[in-house]
Amino acid sequence: MATDDSNLDLFQKNEKSSAASFQPLAERMRPKTLDKFVGHAELVGEGKVLRRAIEMDHLISMIFWGPPAVGKTTLARIIANDTASDFHSMSAVTAGVADIKKVIEKARMNQKIGNRRTILFIDEIHRFNKAQQDALLHSVEDGTIILIGATTENPSFEVNSALLSRCQVFQLQSLSPNDVKILIQRALETDEIILKQKIFIPADVLDLMIQLSAGDVRITFNTLELAANICPVSEDGSRHLTRELVQNAVQKSFALYDKKGDMHYDTISAFIKSIRGSDPDAAIHYLARMLEAGEDPKFIARRLVILASEDIGNAAPLALVVATSAFTAVTYVGMPEAQLILAQAVTYLASTEKSNASCLAIMAAREDVRQGKIDPIPMHLRNAPTNLMKDLGYAAGYKYPHDYPGNFVPEEYLPPNLKNKVYYEPGENGFEKKIKEYLKKLWPTRHK
């Protein structure tokens, strides 16, 4: 029996609408053109390098590097649409060499039959092993495929150098609060399902949603969608979102943090630099971010022990004692109480005097040793456990400091080629100022 065209159109429309209703809001709101793409104006804004390459249809293989859910996949799809390319997408988590070879073979057919470009998008390309990455090399180099890789990890470390040299790396940053605001408002104004729910978001609630998203588009839309779904419906059919509803929808503001990824290294770097810069408030903030993300507290405590010597040293000798005690206590106690110990240690280390003089001293001394400045140890400083060694002059003339007033006697301890060499130059901070004065008194020709 034939189907009426109007009925068929209605059926297809209903089928399409039904399919869309099962899609999450983040997928429904995925833009399909550059004009609708939000953020990353430095790359795809008017006249910018990537936008011009797309508009002029001069594509090269590229890698998008940035945090999760900032538009890497969306941008790849837009490029494929705007350049009328044969687009293939795969995830490095599930794909293998055989999958790559199938796309390469299809790309060769495209070239023979229709001279059509083939784009291969690989999500999480950092998860490909060397063999999988090597399988792409020749086809990327000769232009059989245009590779677009997406990664949350630094490609310098995770993509082999041969493949990396054949690609242009574009770094995408987290979306700005204004970008997130634009996306929320667009969803409220254009998404059919959201429109039917008649959602109202007060300014302070909107600010909270933007804050909790941390620049992650997926978190933004998931929060909006869930909050709308659990929101009580007013008599007029509208839904008024509250701070409590939004917080319940998010449950927890998960930091963008991977204990083996860039955010791990970026956060610990900011943490250490904040302590070194004597800012206890910033240091506590980054400590909180790491602990909330599930970082190993013993890893943090170990870094504090290193910092206590590297950045504080003899300006506050107690710092090393505090740091090592904190490590011991954290090991004994564990979380959640370990956060109290870490907070005490961090605020003390950040708030005390700083000096890297002892650190510079060992670095300079080791460099001299590497350069071969290792004259024989002076005879009077050598040990003489046997009579033969005594007869050869070992330990001869050594002056025992405790036999002299003030427990000090002028003596040559450095090898002859390093006479009067200064490695340790105490600073003016904290206890180190006293050390500086003491050394000036003992070694006036060396410490002036």
Protein backbone atom coordinates (compact mmCIF):
# COMPACT_ATOMS: atom_id res chain seq x y z
CA MET A 1 0.00 0.00 0.00
CA ALA A 2 1.43 3.39 -1.02
CA THR A 3 2.14 5.95 1.64
CA ASP A 4 0.83 9.49 1.16
CA ASP A 5 3.67 12.01 0.72
CA SER A 6 2.30 14.34 3.37
CA ASN A 7 2.04 11.46 5.85
CA LEU A 8 5.57 10.41 5.02
CA ASP A 9 6.85 13.94 5.59
CA LEU A 10 5.03 14.08 8.91
CA PHE A 11 6.41 10.68 9.90
CA GLN A 12 9.98 11.73 9.05
CA LYS A 13 9.56 15.00 10.91
CA ASN A 14 8.24 13.23 14.01
CA GLU A 15 11.01 10.64 13.78
CA LYS A 16 13.63 13.38 13.58
CA SER A 17 12.07 15.26 16.50
CA SER A 18 11.91 12.08 18.57
CA ALA A 19 15.56 11.30 17.88
CA ALA A 20 16.57 14.82 18.88
CA SER A 21 14.68 14.54 22.16
CA PHE A 22 16.91 11.64 23.18
CA GLN A 23 20.06 13.61 22.50
CA PRO A 24 21.62 15.45 25.45
CA LEU A 25 21.47 19.22 25.30
CA ALA A 26 25.23 19.43 24.68
CA GLU A 27 24.80 17.45 21.46
CA ARG A 28 21.69 19.35 20.37
CA MET A 29 23.53 22.64 20.78
CA ARG A 30 26.65 21.59 18.86
CA PRO A 31 27.16 24.31 16.19
CA LYS A 32 27.57 23.34 12.55
CA THR A 33 29.15 26.52 11.18
CA LEU A 34 31.98 28.80 12.21
CA ASP A 35 29.57 31.70 12.61
CA LYS A 36 27.82 29.80 15.42
CA PHE A 37 31.06 28.60 17.01
CA VAL A 38 31.69 30.30 20.36
CA GLY A 39 35.15 31.06 21.72
CA HIS A 40 38.72 30.74 20.44
CA ALA A 41 38.56 34.02 18.52
CA GLU A 42 42.36 33.99 18.40
CA LEU A 43 42.11 30.99 16.04
CA VAL A 44 38.79 31.27 14.22
CA GLY A 45 37.88 34.93 14.57
CA GLU A 46 37.62 37.09 11.47
CA GLY A 47 40.96 37.17 9.66
CA LYS A 48 42.64 34.70 12.01
CA VAL A 49 44.92 31.96 10.76
CA LEU A 50 42.69 28.90 11.10
CA ARG A 51 39.57 30.64 9.84
CA ARG A 52 41.43 31.88 6.76
CA ALA A 53 42.78 28.39 6.07
CA ILE A 54 39.25 26.98 6.25
CA GLU A 55 37.69 29.72 4.11
CA MET A 56 40.44 29.47 1.48
CA ASP A 57 40.23 25.65 1.56
CA HIS A 58 43.96 25.37 2.30
CA LEU A 59 43.90 22.71 5.01
CA ILE A 60 46.88 20.99 6.57
CA SER A 61 47.02 18.22 9.12
CA MET A 62 46.60 19.63 12.60
CA ILE A 63 46.27 18.75 16.26
CA PHE A 64 43.88 20.53 18.61
CA TRP A 65 45.28 20.57 22.13
CA GLY A 66 43.15 21.76 25.03
CA PRO A 67 41.02 20.86 28.06
CA PRO A 68 37.94 18.64 27.71
CA ALA A 69 34.76 20.05 26.14
CA VAL A 70 36.13 23.30 24.73
CA GLY A 71 35.15 22.59 21.12
CA LYS A 72 37.89 20.41 19.61
CA THR A 73 35.53 17.84 18.09
CA THR A 74 33.01 20.47 17.05
CA LEU A 75 35.67 22.49 15.26
CA ALA A 76 36.85 19.39 13.38
CA ARG A 77 33.29 18.68 12.19
CA ILE A 78 32.80 22.29 11.10
CA ILE A 79 36.02 22.11 9.09
CA ALA A 80 34.77 18.97 7.35
CA ASN A 81 31.40 20.57 6.55
CA ASP A 82 32.80 23.89 5.36
CA THR A 83 35.33 22.23 3.07
CA ALA A 84 33.00 19.53 1.70
CA SER A 85 35.37 16.79 2.77
CA ASP A 86 34.77 13.11 3.35
CA PHE A 87 34.85 13.08 7.15
CA HIS A 88 35.80 10.03 9.21
CA SER A 89 35.89 10.06 12.99
CA MET A 90 37.38 7.55 15.41
CA SER A 91 38.43 7.39 19.03
CA ALA A 92 41.95 6.31 19.88
CA VAL A 93 40.47 4.39 22.81
CA THR A 94 38.73 1.85 20.55
CA ALA A 95 40.40 2.18 17.13
CA GLY A 96 43.39 0.21 15.88
CA VAL A 97 45.76 0.05 12.92
CA ALA A 98 43.18 -1.88 10.87
CA ASP A 99 40.67 0.96 11.28
CA ILE A 100 43.27 3.48 10.16
CA LYS A 101 44.10 1.43 7.07
CA LYS A 102 40.42 1.25 6.07
CA VAL A 103 40.14 5.04 6.12
CA ILE A 104 43.39 5.42 4.19
CA GLU A 105 42.13 3.03 1.52
CA LYS A 106 38.86 4.98 1.29
CA ALA A 107 40.87 8.20 0.99
CA ARG A 108 42.82 6.77 -1.95
CA MET A 109 39.56 5.83 -3.66
CA ASN A 110 38.25 9.36 -3.08
CA GLN A 111 41.32 10.75 -4.81
CA LYS A 112 40.99 8.40 -7.80
CA ILE A 113 37.25 8.71 -8.33
CA GLY A 114 36.32 12.24 -7.38
CA ASN A 115 39.47 14.05 -6.29
CA ARG A 116 37.76 14.54 -2.94
CA ARG A 117 39.64 15.38 0.22
CA THR A 118 39.43 12.99 3.19
CA ILE A 119 39.62 14.19 6.77
CA LEU A 120 40.38 11.70 9.52
CA PHE A 121 39.51 12.98 12.98
CA ILE A 122 41.06 11.06 15.87
CA ASP A 123 39.82 11.91 19.33
CA GLU A 124 42.27 11.40 22.21
CA ILE A 125 45.11 10.83 19.77
CA HIS A 126 47.56 10.77 22.69
CA ARG A 127 46.22 7.29 23.49
CA PHE A 128 47.55 5.86 20.21
CA ASN A 129 50.74 3.87 20.67
CA LYS A 130 53.80 4.35 18.44
CA ALA A 131 52.75 1.67 15.93
CA GLN A 132 49.32 3.23 15.52
CA GLN A 133 50.79 6.70 15.08
CA ASP A 134 53.37 5.39 12.62
CA ALA A 135 50.56 3.91 10.50
CA LEU A 136 49.44 7.48 9.77
CA LEU A 137 52.80 8.92 8.79
CA HIS A 138 53.02 8.25 5.06
CA SER A 139 49.40 9.12 4.30
CA VAL A 140 49.63 12.36 6.24
CA GLU A 141 52.90 13.28 4.57
CA ASP A 142 51.70 12.68 1.00
CA GLY A 143 48.31 14.31 1.62
CA THR A 144 46.19 11.19 1.19
CA ILE A 145 44.43 12.19 4.40
CA ILE A 146 44.16 15.40 6.35
CA LEU A 147 44.63 14.39 9.97
CA ILE A 148 42.90 16.30 12.72
CA GLY A 149 43.83 15.00 16.14
CA ALA A 150 42.32 16.09 19.45
CA THR A 151 44.14 15.72 22.74
CA THR A 152 43.93 16.96 26.29
CA GLU A 153 47.62 16.13 26.79
CA ASN A 154 50.69 18.04 25.68
CA PRO A 155 51.39 16.67 22.18
CA SER A 156 55.10 17.35 22.65
CA PHE A 157 55.13 14.43 25.06
CA GLU A 158 52.31 12.22 23.80
CA VAL A 159 52.60 12.37 19.98
CA ASN A 160 55.76 10.98 18.41
CA SER A 161 58.03 13.57 16.85
CA ALA A 162 57.73 12.22 13.29
CA LEU A 163 53.95 12.64 13.25
CA LEU A 164 54.08 15.90 15.19
CA SER A 165 56.43 17.44 12.63
CA ARG A 166 53.80 16.84 9.94
CA CYS A 167 51.04 18.63 11.85
CA GLN A 168 50.29 22.14 13.00
CA VAL A 169 49.41 22.31 16.69
CA PHE A 170 46.61 24.68 17.72
CA GLN A 171 46.10 25.20 21.45
CA LEU A 172 42.53 25.77 22.63
CA GLN A 173 41.99 27.35 26.03
CA SER A 174 39.03 26.92 28.38
CA LEU A 175 36.06 29.06 27.42
CA SER A 176 35.76 32.43 29.10
CA PRO A 177 32.84 33.19 31.47
CA ASN A 178 31.35 35.40 28.75
CA ASP A 179 31.56 32.52 26.24
CA VAL A 180 29.73 30.23 28.65
CA LYS A 181 27.08 32.90 29.24
CA ILE A 182 26.49 33.20 25.49
CA LEU A 183 26.03 29.42 25.20
CA ILE A 184 23.53 29.27 28.06
CA GLN A 185 21.49 32.13 26.64
CA ARG A 186 21.57 30.55 23.18
CA ALA A 187 20.18 27.30 24.62
CA LEU A 188 17.42 29.20 26.43
CA GLU A 189 16.46 31.01 23.24
CA THR A 190 16.86 28.35 20.54
CA ASP A 191 16.58 24.79 21.88
CA GLU A 192 13.02 23.51 21.33
CA ILE A 193 12.93 21.34 24.44
CA ILE A 194 14.38 24.04 26.69
CA LEU A 195 11.98 26.61 25.23
CA LYS A 196 8.98 24.42 26.09
CA GLN A 197 10.15 24.27 29.71
CA LYS A 198 9.95 28.09 30.06
CA ILE A 199 13.10 28.35 32.15
CA PHE A 200 13.93 31.50 34.10
CA ILE A 201 17.44 31.94 35.55
CA PRO A 202 18.13 34.83 37.97
CA ALA A 203 21.41 36.69 37.47
CA ASP A 204 23.09 35.26 40.59
CA VAL A 205 22.11 31.70 39.58
CA LEU A 206 23.45 32.27 36.08
CA ASP A 207 26.75 33.47 37.57
CA LEU A 208 26.91 30.32 39.70
CA MET A 209 26.34 28.09 36.66
CA ILE A 210 29.11 29.87 34.79
CA GLN A 211 31.45 29.53 37.75
CA LEU A 212 30.75 25.82 38.24
CA SER A 213 31.26 25.06 34.56
CA ALA A 214 34.97 26.02 34.76
CA GLY A 215 34.91 26.72 31.01
CA ASP A 216 33.67 23.22 30.16
CA VAL A 217 30.79 23.32 27.65
CA ARG A 218 29.59 19.82 28.51
CA ILE A 219 29.34 20.62 32.22
CA THR A 220 27.50 23.83 31.33
CA PHE A 221 24.79 22.13 29.28
CA ASN A 222 24.50 19.09 31.54
CA THR A 223 23.96 21.35 34.54
CA LEU A 224 21.32 23.41 32.72
CA GLU A 225 19.51 20.34 31.45
CA LEU A 226 19.40 18.47 34.75
CA ALA A 227 18.52 21.55 36.78
CA ALA A 228 15.64 22.27 34.39
CA ASN A 229 14.38 18.69 34.59
CA ILE A 230 14.33 18.57 38.40
CA CYS A 231 12.96 22.10 38.81
CA PRO A 232 9.37 22.35 40.15
CA VAL A 233 6.90 23.72 37.61
CA SER A 234 5.03 26.91 38.57
CA GLU A 235 1.30 27.41 37.97
CA ASP A 236 2.04 29.30 34.76
CA GLY A 237 4.18 26.39 33.52
CA SER A 238 7.51 28.16 34.02
CA ARG A 239 10.55 26.82 35.89
CA HIS A 240 12.61 29.14 38.08
CA LEU A 241 16.09 27.81 38.70
CA THR A 242 17.62 28.43 42.12
CA ARG A 243 21.16 28.22 43.46
CA GLU A 244 20.22 25.10 45.41
CA LEU A 245 18.86 23.40 42.29
CA VAL A 246 21.99 24.19 40.30
CA GLN A 247 24.26 22.97 43.10
CA ASN A 248 22.23 19.77 43.36
CA ALA A 249 22.51 19.29 39.60
CA VAL A 250 26.28 19.63 39.71
CA GLN A 251 26.70 17.93 43.12
CA LYS A 252 30.38 18.80 43.02
CA SER A 253 32.45 21.16 40.97
CA PHE A 254 34.97 18.71 39.61
CA ALA A 255 38.23 20.39 38.73
CA LEU A 256 39.60 19.77 35.27
CA TYR A 257 42.43 17.64 36.56
CA ASP A 258 44.16 14.50 35.44
CA LYS A 259 46.70 13.05 37.85
CA LYS A 260 48.88 12.03 34.91
CA GLY A 261 48.11 14.90 32.59
CA ASP A 262 48.89 18.55 31.97
CA MET A 263 46.52 19.86 34.63
CA HIS A 264 48.38 17.80 37.21
CA TYR A 265 51.66 19.45 36.27
CA ASP A 266 50.17 22.90 35.77
CA THR A 267 48.49 22.86 39.17
CA ILE A 268 51.46 21.60 41.13
CA SER A 269 53.60 24.18 39.31
CA ALA A 270 51.24 27.00 40.31
CA PHE A 271 51.19 25.61 43.86
CA ILE A 272 54.98 25.56 44.23
CA LYS A 273 55.39 28.98 42.62
CA SER A 274 52.79 30.45 44.96
CA ILE A 275 54.68 29.18 48.01
CA ARG A 276 57.99 30.37 46.53
CA GLY A 277 56.34 33.74 45.95
CA SER A 278 55.23 33.92 49.62
CA ASP A 279 51.49 33.96 48.81
CA PRO A 280 49.78 31.60 51.31
CA ASP A 281 46.32 32.38 49.93
CA ALA A 282 47.17 31.30 46.39
CA ALA A 283 49.04 28.28 47.74
CA ILE A 284 46.02 27.16 49.77
CA HIS A 285 43.78 27.61 46.71
CA TYR A 286 45.90 25.29 44.57
CA LEU A 287 46.21 22.84 47.46
CA ALA A 288 42.39 22.74 47.64
CA ARG A 289 42.13 22.14 43.88
CA MET A 290 44.51 19.20 44.07
CA LEU A 291 42.82 17.65 47.08
CA GLU A 292 39.34 18.07 45.56
CA ALA A 293 40.58 16.33 42.42
CA GLY A 294 41.86 13.38 44.45
CA GLU A 295 45.58 14.07 44.26
CA ASP A 296 47.76 11.85 46.46
CA PRO A 297 48.49 13.91 49.60
CA LYS A 298 51.87 12.19 49.95
CA PHE A 299 52.85 13.49 46.50
CA ILE A 300 52.06 17.02 47.70
CA ALA A 301 53.95 16.49 50.96
CA ARG A 302 57.03 15.21 49.09
CA ARG A 303 57.06 18.36 46.99
CA LEU A 304 56.94 20.44 50.15
CA VAL A 305 60.03 18.69 51.48
CA ILE A 306 61.91 19.53 48.29
CA LEU A 307 60.68 23.12 48.35
CA ALA A 308 61.76 23.59 51.94
CA SER A 309 65.38 23.10 50.91
CA GLU A 310 65.24 24.51 47.39
CA ASP A 311 63.39 27.76 48.07
CA ILE A 312 63.71 28.41 51.80
CA GLY A 313 66.91 26.75 52.89
CA ASN A 314 68.84 28.39 55.69
CA ALA A 315 66.70 31.53 55.68
CA ALA A 316 64.37 29.46 57.89
CA PRO A 317 66.07 26.14 58.76
CA LEU A 318 62.94 25.03 60.61
CA ALA A 319 61.13 24.84 57.26
CA LEU A 320 62.71 21.50 56.39
CA VAL A 321 61.74 20.16 59.81
CA VAL A 322 58.14 21.30 59.29
CA ALA A 323 58.00 19.80 55.79
CA THR A 324 59.45 16.42 56.76
CA SER A 325 57.21 16.26 59.83
CA ALA A 326 54.24 17.04 57.61
CA PHE A 327 55.17 14.21 55.26
CA THR A 328 55.44 11.79 58.20
CA ALA A 329 52.13 12.95 59.67
CA VAL A 330 50.33 12.75 56.31
CA THR A 331 51.64 9.20 55.88
CA TYR A 332 50.38 8.22 59.34
CA VAL A 333 47.02 9.94 59.20
CA GLY A 334 45.79 9.89 55.59
CA MET A 335 42.83 11.81 54.23
CA PRO A 336 40.67 13.61 55.12
CA GLU A 337 42.59 14.76 58.20
CA ALA A 338 45.82 15.03 56.20
CA GLN A 339 44.42 18.21 54.65
CA LEU A 340 44.82 19.95 58.01
CA ILE A 341 48.48 18.97 58.21
CA LEU A 342 49.14 20.05 54.65
CA ALA A 343 47.37 23.36 55.21
CA GLN A 344 49.52 24.10 58.25
CA ALA A 345 52.74 23.24 56.44
CA VAL A 346 51.78 25.14 53.29
CA THR A 347 50.82 28.34 55.09
CA TYR A 348 54.02 28.23 57.16
CA LEU A 349 56.29 27.60 54.17
CA ALA A 350 54.58 30.28 52.11
CA SER A 351 54.78 32.82 54.94
CA THR A 352 58.41 32.41 55.94
CA GLU A 353 61.65 33.93 54.61
CA LYS A 354 63.03 32.56 51.36
CA SER A 355 66.49 31.76 50.02
CA ASN A 356 67.79 29.54 47.26
CA ALA A 357 71.44 30.10 48.21
CA SER A 358 72.10 26.52 49.27
CA CYS A 359 70.42 25.26 46.08
CA LEU A 360 72.61 27.51 43.92
CA ALA A 361 75.68 26.40 45.89
CA ILE A 362 75.29 22.70 45.11
CA MET A 363 74.42 23.40 41.46
CA ALA A 364 77.54 25.52 41.01
CA ALA A 365 79.77 23.02 42.82
CA ARG A 366 78.51 20.10 40.74
CA GLU A 367 79.07 22.08 37.55
CA ASP A 368 82.72 22.66 38.54
CA VAL A 369 83.10 18.94 39.20
CA ARG A 370 81.63 18.15 35.77
CA GLN A 371 84.10 20.59 34.23
CA GLY A 372 86.98 18.58 35.76
CA LYS A 373 87.90 20.99 38.56
CA ILE A 374 88.83 18.13 40.87
CA ASP A 375 92.42 18.63 42.00
CA PRO A 376 93.71 16.04 44.48
CA ILE A 377 92.35 16.41 47.99
CA PRO A 378 94.93 18.30 50.15
CA MET A 379 97.08 15.93 52.19
CA HIS A 380 96.20 17.49 55.54
CA LEU A 381 92.50 16.71 54.92
CA ARG A 382 93.00 13.05 54.12
CA ASN A 383 92.33 10.26 56.55
CA ALA A 384 95.32 8.31 57.90
CA PRO A 385 94.10 5.01 59.39
CA THR A 386 97.47 3.22 58.83
CA ASN A 387 101.09 3.98 59.70
CA LEU A 388 102.06 3.80 56.04
CA MET A 389 99.59 6.53 55.21
CA LYS A 390 100.89 8.65 58.08
CA ASP A 391 104.44 8.15 56.77
CA LEU A 392 103.26 9.35 53.34
CA GLY A 393 101.98 12.58 54.88
CA TYR A 394 98.29 11.82 55.11
CA ALA A 395 96.59 14.12 57.68
CA ALA A 396 99.89 15.86 58.40
CA GLY A 397 99.43 19.37 59.66
CA TYR A 398 95.68 19.14 60.13
CA LYS A 399 94.43 21.65 62.68
CA TYR A 400 91.55 20.41 64.82
CA PRO A 401 89.13 23.42 65.11
CA HIS A 402 87.91 22.49 68.59
CA ASP A 403 91.44 22.93 69.91
CA TYR A 404 91.29 26.65 69.08
CA PRO A 405 89.36 29.61 70.54
CA GLY A 406 85.86 29.90 69.16
CA ASN A 407 86.18 26.41 67.70
CA PHE A 408 87.74 27.86 64.56
CA VAL A 409 91.13 28.14 62.97
CA PRO A 410 91.95 29.52 59.50
CA GLU A 411 92.70 26.60 57.23
CA GLU A 412 92.70 25.71 53.55
CA TYR A 413 89.98 23.17 52.84
CA LEU A 414 89.38 23.64 49.12
CA PRO A 415 91.67 22.02 46.53
CA PRO A 416 94.41 24.40 45.30
CA ASN A 417 92.69 25.11 41.96
CA LEU A 418 89.59 26.37 43.77
CA LYS A 419 91.25 28.48 46.44
CA ASN A 420 88.88 31.21 47.71
CA LYS A 421 86.06 29.90 45.51
CA VAL A 422 82.61 30.89 46.85
CA TYR A 423 79.66 28.62 46.21
CA TYR A 424 77.39 29.49 49.09
CA GLU A 425 76.42 33.13 49.27
CA PRO A 426 73.87 33.61 52.08
CA GLY A 427 71.09 36.12 51.50
CA GLU A 428 69.71 38.84 53.71
CA ASN A 429 66.52 37.03 54.76
CA GLY A 430 65.77 35.46 58.11
CA PHE A 431 68.39 33.32 59.79
CA GLU A 432 70.58 33.41 56.70
CA LYS A 433 71.47 37.03 57.46
CA LYS A 434 73.13 35.81 60.67
CA ILE A 435 74.95 33.10 58.73
CA LYS A 436 76.24 35.73 56.30
CA GLU A 437 77.66 37.85 59.11
CA TYR A 438 79.26 34.81 60.73
CA LEU A 439 80.96 33.72 57.50
CA LYS A 440 82.23 37.27 56.90
CA LYS A 441 83.86 37.16 60.31
CA LEU A 442 85.48 33.77 59.70
CA TRP A 443 86.46 34.19 56.03
CA PRO A 444 86.89 37.93 55.41
CA THR A 445 88.82 37.50 52.15
CA ARG A 446 86.19 35.17 50.72
CA HIS A 447 82.93 36.64 52.05
CA LYS A 448 82.93 40.42 51.77
